[in-house]
Amino acid sequence: MSRSNGRPEPEVIVNFADGYAYSKGKLEEAFRNGILDKPPVKPPKDSVGPVKREDVDLIVHELEITRSQAEKALHENGGNIVKTLQYLITPPVQ
């Protein structure tokens, strides 16, 4: 901490509109530890590859689910549209 007029510099806390408060000391500590210097972790690539847009559109329009749900279901079923549709319309076993 630097000093001015013999007093330590006050802790700076900023309140943002998102509801979070950020402390100057904690942010500086994050930089010192190198947390922000690390490269971002890339998710592992799926062996399936990208799903077809037409398949996603078909599932979204026919089953009235969100695009993200349709894409997730397609990824889980290897991009196979028939298996995906059967998976989505089959009730879960209890």
C-alpha atoms as a PDB file:
ATOM      1  CA  MET A   1       0.000   0.000   0.000  1.00  0.00           C
ATOM      2  CA  SER A   2       1.303   3.422  -0.808  1.00  0.00           C
ATOM      3  CA  ARG A   3       1.074   6.192   1.706  1.00  0.00           C
ATOM      4  CA  SER A   4       0.063   9.776   1.271  1.00  0.00           C
ATOM      5  CA  ASN A   5       0.347  12.234   4.166  1.00  0.00           C
ATOM      6  CA  GLY A   6       1.373   9.402   6.469  1.00  0.00           C
ATOM      7  CA  ARG A   7      -1.891   7.502   6.017  1.00  0.00           C
ATOM      8  CA  PRO A   8      -2.313   4.221   4.136  1.00  0.00           C
ATOM      9  CA  GLU A   9      -4.240   4.349   0.889  1.00  0.00           C
ATOM     10  CA  PRO A  10      -7.903   3.478   1.576  1.00  0.00           C
ATOM     11  CA  GLU A  11      -9.329   0.235   0.229  1.00  0.00           C
ATOM     12  CA  VAL A  12     -11.266   0.979  -2.944  1.00  0.00           C
ATOM     13  CA  ILE A  13     -14.510  -0.893  -3.378  1.00  0.00           C
ATOM     14  CA  VAL A  14     -16.646  -0.296  -6.429  1.00  0.00           C
ATOM     15  CA  ASN A  15     -20.259  -1.378  -6.543  1.00  0.00           C
ATOM     16  CA  PHE A  16     -21.491  -2.147 -10.040  1.00  0.00           C
ATOM     17  CA  ALA A  17     -25.011  -2.349 -11.418  1.00  0.00           C
ATOM     18  CA  ASP A  18     -24.766  -6.148 -11.641  1.00  0.00           C
ATOM     19  CA  GLY A  19     -24.817  -6.283  -7.844  1.00  0.00           C
ATOM     20  CA  TYR A  20     -21.188  -7.277  -7.350  1.00  0.00           C
ATOM     21  CA  ALA A  21     -18.601  -5.273  -5.449  1.00  0.00           C
ATOM     22  CA  TYR A  22     -14.954  -5.367  -6.487  1.00  0.00           C
ATOM     23  CA  SER A  23     -12.162  -4.721  -4.029  1.00  0.00           C
ATOM     24  CA  LYS A  24      -8.931  -3.165  -5.296  1.00  0.00           C
ATOM     25  CA  GLY A  25      -6.789  -5.356  -3.044  1.00  0.00           C
ATOM     26  CA  LYS A  26      -8.425  -8.566  -4.182  1.00  0.00           C
ATOM     27  CA  LEU A  27      -8.087  -7.633  -7.847  1.00  0.00           C
ATOM     28  CA  GLU A  28      -4.396  -6.815  -7.392  1.00  0.00           C
ATOM     29  CA  GLU A  29      -3.894 -10.129  -5.595  1.00  0.00           C
ATOM     30  CA  ALA A  30      -5.464 -11.968  -8.529  1.00  0.00           C
ATOM     31  CA  PHE A  31      -2.967 -10.341 -10.874  1.00  0.00           C
ATOM     32  CA  ARG A  32      -0.039 -11.156  -8.587  1.00  0.00           C
ATOM     33  CA  ASN A  33      -1.029 -14.818  -8.373  1.00  0.00           C
ATOM     34  CA  GLY A  34      -1.144 -15.076 -12.160  1.00  0.00           C
ATOM     35  CA  ILE A  35      -4.754 -16.203 -12.250  1.00  0.00           C
ATOM     36  CA  LEU A  36      -5.518 -13.896 -15.143  1.00  0.00           C
ATOM     37  CA  ASP A  37      -2.247 -14.761 -16.935  1.00  0.00           C
ATOM     38  CA  LYS A  38      -3.240 -18.380 -17.536  1.00  0.00           C
ATOM     39  CA  PRO A  39      -4.600 -19.188 -20.999  1.00  0.00           C
ATOM     40  CA  PRO A  40      -8.287 -20.097 -21.124  1.00  0.00           C
ATOM     41  CA  VAL A  41      -9.040 -23.807 -20.942  1.00  0.00           C
ATOM     42  CA  LYS A  42     -10.480 -25.145 -24.177  1.00  0.00           C
ATOM     43  CA  PRO A  43     -13.225 -27.752 -23.910  1.00  0.00           C
ATOM     44  CA  PRO A  44     -12.331 -31.135 -25.424  1.00  0.00           C
ATOM     45  CA  LYS A  45     -13.467 -31.552 -28.997  1.00  0.00           C
ATOM     46  CA  ASP A  46     -16.331 -33.918 -29.572  1.00  0.00           C
ATOM     47  CA  SER A  47     -15.760 -36.819 -31.912  1.00  0.00           C
ATOM     48  CA  VAL A  48     -19.153 -36.107 -33.498  1.00  0.00           C
ATOM     49  CA  GLY A  49     -18.347 -32.743 -35.037  1.00  0.00           C
ATOM     50  CA  PRO A  50     -20.846 -29.988 -35.731  1.00  0.00           C
ATOM     51  CA  VAL A  51     -24.481 -30.936 -36.042  1.00  0.00           C
ATOM     52  CA  LYS A  52     -26.449 -30.061 -39.151  1.00  0.00           C
ATOM     53  CA  ARG A  53     -28.499 -26.894 -38.992  1.00  0.00           C
ATOM     54  CA  GLU A  54     -31.382 -28.585 -40.820  1.00  0.00           C
ATOM     55  CA  ASP A  55     -31.531 -31.300 -38.152  1.00  0.00           C
ATOM     56  CA  VAL A  56     -31.609 -28.743 -35.354  1.00  0.00           C
ATOM     57  CA  ASP A  57     -34.328 -26.751 -37.139  1.00  0.00           C
ATOM     58  CA  LEU A  58     -36.421 -29.894 -37.632  1.00  0.00           C
ATOM     59  CA  ILE A  59     -36.243 -30.826 -33.956  1.00  0.00           C
ATOM     60  CA  VAL A  60     -36.953 -27.266 -32.801  1.00  0.00           C
ATOM     61  CA  HIS A  61     -40.031 -26.893 -35.032  1.00  0.00           C
ATOM     62  CA  GLU A  62     -41.461 -30.367 -34.563  1.00  0.00           C
ATOM     63  CA  LEU A  63     -40.934 -30.796 -30.822  1.00  0.00           C
ATOM     64  CA  GLU A  64     -41.088 -27.119 -29.846  1.00  0.00           C
ATOM     65  CA  ILE A  65     -37.924 -27.148 -27.742  1.00  0.00           C
ATOM     66  CA  THR A  66     -35.077 -24.651 -27.620  1.00  0.00           C
ATOM     67  CA  ARG A  67     -32.149 -24.756 -30.032  1.00  0.00           C
ATOM     68  CA  SER A  68     -29.712 -25.499 -27.231  1.00  0.00           C
ATOM     69  CA  GLN A  69     -31.776 -28.502 -26.096  1.00  0.00           C
ATOM     70  CA  ALA A  70     -31.957 -29.781 -29.655  1.00  0.00           C
ATOM     71  CA  GLU A  71     -28.215 -29.364 -30.216  1.00  0.00           C
ATOM     72  CA  LYS A  72     -27.409 -31.091 -26.918  1.00  0.00           C
ATOM     73  CA  ALA A  73     -29.678 -34.029 -27.781  1.00  0.00           C
ATOM     74  CA  LEU A  74     -28.074 -34.346 -31.219  1.00  0.00           C
ATOM     75  CA  HIS A  75     -24.581 -34.356 -29.688  1.00  0.00           C
ATOM     76  CA  GLU A  76     -25.602 -37.012 -27.163  1.00  0.00           C
ATOM     77  CA  ASN A  77     -26.890 -39.240 -29.974  1.00  0.00           C
ATOM     78  CA  GLY A  78     -23.916 -38.852 -32.286  1.00  0.00           C
ATOM     79  CA  GLY A  79     -25.630 -36.476 -34.693  1.00  0.00           C
ATOM     80  CA  ASN A  80     -28.106 -39.167 -35.784  1.00  0.00           C
ATOM     81  CA  ILE A  81     -31.472 -37.491 -36.310  1.00  0.00           C
ATOM     82  CA  VAL A  82     -33.512 -40.724 -36.021  1.00  0.00           C
ATOM     83  CA  LYS A  83     -31.914 -41.742 -32.707  1.00  0.00           C
ATOM     84  CA  THR A  84     -32.296 -38.181 -31.419  1.00  0.00           C
ATOM     85  CA  LEU A  85     -36.015 -38.029 -32.227  1.00  0.00           C
ATOM     86  CA  GLN A  86     -36.591 -41.426 -30.603  1.00  0.00           C
ATOM     87  CA  TYR A  87     -34.619 -40.321 -27.549  1.00  0.00           C
ATOM     88  CA  LEU A  88     -36.645 -37.106 -27.208  1.00  0.00           C
ATOM     89  CA  ILE A  89     -40.087 -38.691 -27.577  1.00  0.00           C
ATOM     90  CA  THR A  90     -39.446 -41.769 -25.416  1.00  0.00           C
ATOM     91  CA  PRO A  91     -40.593 -41.212 -21.817  1.00  0.00           C
ATOM     92  CA  PRO A  92     -37.911 -41.717 -19.165  1.00  0.00           C
ATOM     93  CA  VAL A  93     -37.860 -45.109 -17.445  1.00  0.00           C
ATOM     94  CA  GLN A  94     -38.599 -44.940 -13.727  1.00  0.00           C
END
